[in-house]
C-alpha atoms as a PDB file:
ATOM      1  CA  MET A   1     -28.610  76.277 -64.019  1.00  0.00           C
ATOM      2  CA  PRO A   2     -27.129  77.202 -67.819  1.00  0.00           C
ATOM      3  CA  PRO A   3     -24.929  80.172 -67.826  1.00  0.00           C
ATOM      4  CA  THR A   4     -27.645  82.172 -69.701  1.00  0.00           C
ATOM      5  CA  ALA A   5     -29.903  81.798 -66.751  1.00  0.00           C
ATOM      6  CA  VAL A   6     -27.345  82.926 -64.253  1.00  0.00           C
ATOM      7  CA  MET A   7     -26.636  85.930 -66.144  1.00  0.00           C
ATOM      8  CA  LEU A   8     -30.557  86.936 -66.462  1.00  0.00           C
ATOM      9  CA  ALA A   9     -30.886  85.709 -62.905  1.00  0.00           C
ATOM     10  CA  ALA A  10     -27.986  88.408 -61.603  1.00  0.00           C
ATOM     11  CA  ALA A  11     -29.382  90.898 -63.996  1.00  0.00           C
ATOM     12  CA  SER A  12     -32.926  90.659 -62.569  1.00  0.00           C
ATOM     13  CA  GLU A  13     -31.590  91.237 -59.212  1.00  0.00           C
ATOM     14  CA  GLU A  14     -30.935  95.127 -59.831  1.00  0.00           C
ATOM     15  CA  GLN A  15     -33.241  97.748 -59.873  1.00  0.00           C
ATOM     16  CA  GLY A  16     -35.013  98.119 -63.411  1.00  0.00           C
ATOM     17  CA  PRO A  17     -35.261  96.237 -66.423  1.00  0.00           C
ATOM     18  CA  GLY A  18     -31.937  97.828 -67.955  1.00  0.00           C
ATOM     19  CA  SER A  19     -29.775  95.462 -67.003  1.00  0.00           C
ATOM     20  CA  THR A  20     -31.841  92.572 -68.260  1.00  0.00           C
ATOM     21  CA  LEU A  21     -32.581  94.547 -71.558  1.00  0.00           C
ATOM     22  CA  ARG A  22     -29.117  94.976 -72.275  1.00  0.00           C
ATOM     23  CA  VAL A  23     -27.946  91.231 -71.649  1.00  0.00           C
ATOM     24  CA  VAL A  24     -30.936  90.257 -74.206  1.00  0.00           C
ATOM     25  CA  LEU A  25     -30.009  92.976 -76.723  1.00  0.00           C
ATOM     26  CA  LEU A  26     -26.156  91.614 -76.326  1.00  0.00           C
ATOM     27  CA  VAL A  27     -27.323  88.353 -76.872  1.00  0.00           C
ATOM     28  CA  ALA A  28     -29.261  89.107 -79.831  1.00  0.00           C
ATOM     29  CA  LEU A  29     -26.707  91.077 -81.613  1.00  0.00           C
ATOM     30  CA  VAL A  30     -24.132  88.333 -81.121  1.00  0.00           C
ATOM     31  CA  GLY A  31     -26.570  85.620 -82.295  1.00  0.00           C
ATOM     32  CA  ALA A  32     -27.743  87.852 -85.559  1.00  0.00           C
ATOM     33  CA  ALA A  33     -24.103  88.166 -86.428  1.00  0.00           C
ATOM     34  CA  LEU A  34     -23.335  84.492 -86.068  1.00  0.00           C
ATOM     35  CA  LEU A  35     -26.615  83.844 -88.106  1.00  0.00           C
ATOM     36  CA  ALA A  36     -25.604  86.125 -90.665  1.00  0.00           C
ATOM     37  CA  TRP A  37     -21.890  84.771 -91.025  1.00  0.00           C
ATOM     38  CA  PHE A  38     -23.218  81.200 -90.925  1.00  0.00           C
ATOM     39  CA  LEU A  39     -25.899  82.075 -93.832  1.00  0.00           C
ATOM     40  CA  LEU A  40     -23.678  84.348 -96.129  1.00  0.00           C
ATOM     41  CA  ARG A  41     -20.503  82.125 -95.825  1.00  0.00           C
ATOM     42  CA  GLY A  42     -22.242  79.766 -98.381  1.00  0.00           C
ATOM     43  CA  TYR A  43     -22.378  82.562-100.851  1.00  0.00           C
ATOM     44  CA  ARG A  44     -18.818  82.938-101.069  1.00  0.00           C
ATOM     45  CA  ASN A  45     -17.321  82.108-104.531  1.00  0.00           C
ATOM     46  CA  ASP A  46     -13.793  80.475-103.840  1.00  0.00           C
ATOM     47  CA  ASP A  47     -13.297  79.843-107.934  1.00  0.00           C
ATOM     48  CA  ASN A  48     -13.179  76.229-107.284  1.00  0.00           C
ATOM     49  CA  ASN A  49     -16.885  75.217-107.732  1.00  0.00           C
ATOM     50  CA  ASP A  50     -17.023  74.607-111.004  1.00  0.00           C
END
């Protein structure tokens, strides 16, 4: 099983959806930060792109 599936399975064993939602939210925030970094790094101006 992939590590993400293991984390979700472990989180879903606890009572209620709180832990699962917390894991999903954390992964979404990290993914959004990486996506923003990847997209915005192309707009960086290093003064060497004549």
